[in-house]
Structure formats: structure tokens, C-alpha cells
Amino acid sequence: MSDQNIKKFFIIIFTTSFFSLATALYVEYVLSFEPCILCIYQRIPYAIALLISLIAFFNGNKKTLLVILGLTFVASVLLSGYHVGIEKGIIEPIFSCTGENINALEKEEILKSLNNIQPDCKDVDFSLFGISLATLNFINSIVLTVVIVYIFRLSLIHISEPTRPY
């Protein structure tokens, strides 16, 4: 696979990552759905993918960046899979997804702390066609990981092929 084709691939990754982040922000700020902490963490791999895609587009060792990109989306698969497991009740959360415990004794402090509680990671507040955004992210991350591995393997085959004079 030529560097030009790999460059096109990074444009696709950039576009996919951009629209994934834009959708998450749209749901949060325009539709006013408060994300849980895991929903916010799941945005990080897409932000990293945006940065890697920009670097790869302008310069850099594209094959090394493909490896980093692949590892980024493997992390995204693990994170979103963990979140889906919590949503489905398969996995118990390792940490509290509902914010800080209320240790206050004063009425004003209790009321103030109630405003700062994050949504629970088990609750699916927003879904598209009956599928939670964490599940959609899990599917998207698996597909992107498989495609990145495939592109990387193609790039290795391209390196090992001898050039043929015409």
C-alpha cells in the first residue's frame, strides 16, 4: 500500500474521529444529556486519533503512527466494552460512577453536593435506534481496530515486495 493511500486512510480516520466527537458534544450540549465519567473518557481515544491523523497527514513515519493509532483504538475497545458491560449489568464498576459520596452534615453542603453528582454509568440516558452510545462506540472501535490492523498488514506487504522494472 502506497503512502498516498495510507494518507487517504488517515483522512478517513480523522473524519470518523471528528464526527464521533462532534456527535458526543452535540448530544451533551445541544440535546442537554449529561454524560457519565466513562462517556467522557471514551472521547479521549478519538481526540488522540485526530492528533495522530493530523501528524500523519503532514509528515511522520506513517507505519509507526498506524501502530499507535491501532493501540489507541484497542484502548477504546477496552474502555467502551467495560462501559457496555456496566450498562448491561455484566460487570460491576471498579470505581464509583456516580460522583463523590456525600459526607456533609450541613444542609447547604448536601444541597451543593447534589448538584455535582455525575450520572450513573449503568443508566442509558440516550440511545440511537435502541442502542446506547457506549455500544455504538464499542462497535465503531472494533471496526476501526480491525481496519487499522488490515491497513498496517497491507503496508508491510508493500514494503516486502520487490519493485519490478517495467
Foldseek 3Di string as FASTA:
>chain_A
DDLVVLLVVLVVLLVVLVVLVVVLVCCCPVVPDFAWPLSVVLNVLSVVSNVLSVCSNVDDDSLVSLVVNLVSLVVSLVSLVQLVCLLVVNDDDPDFRFDDDDPDDDPVSVVVVVVVTGDGSNDQPDDDPPHGSSRVSNVVSVVVSVVSVVVSVVVVVVVPDDDDDD
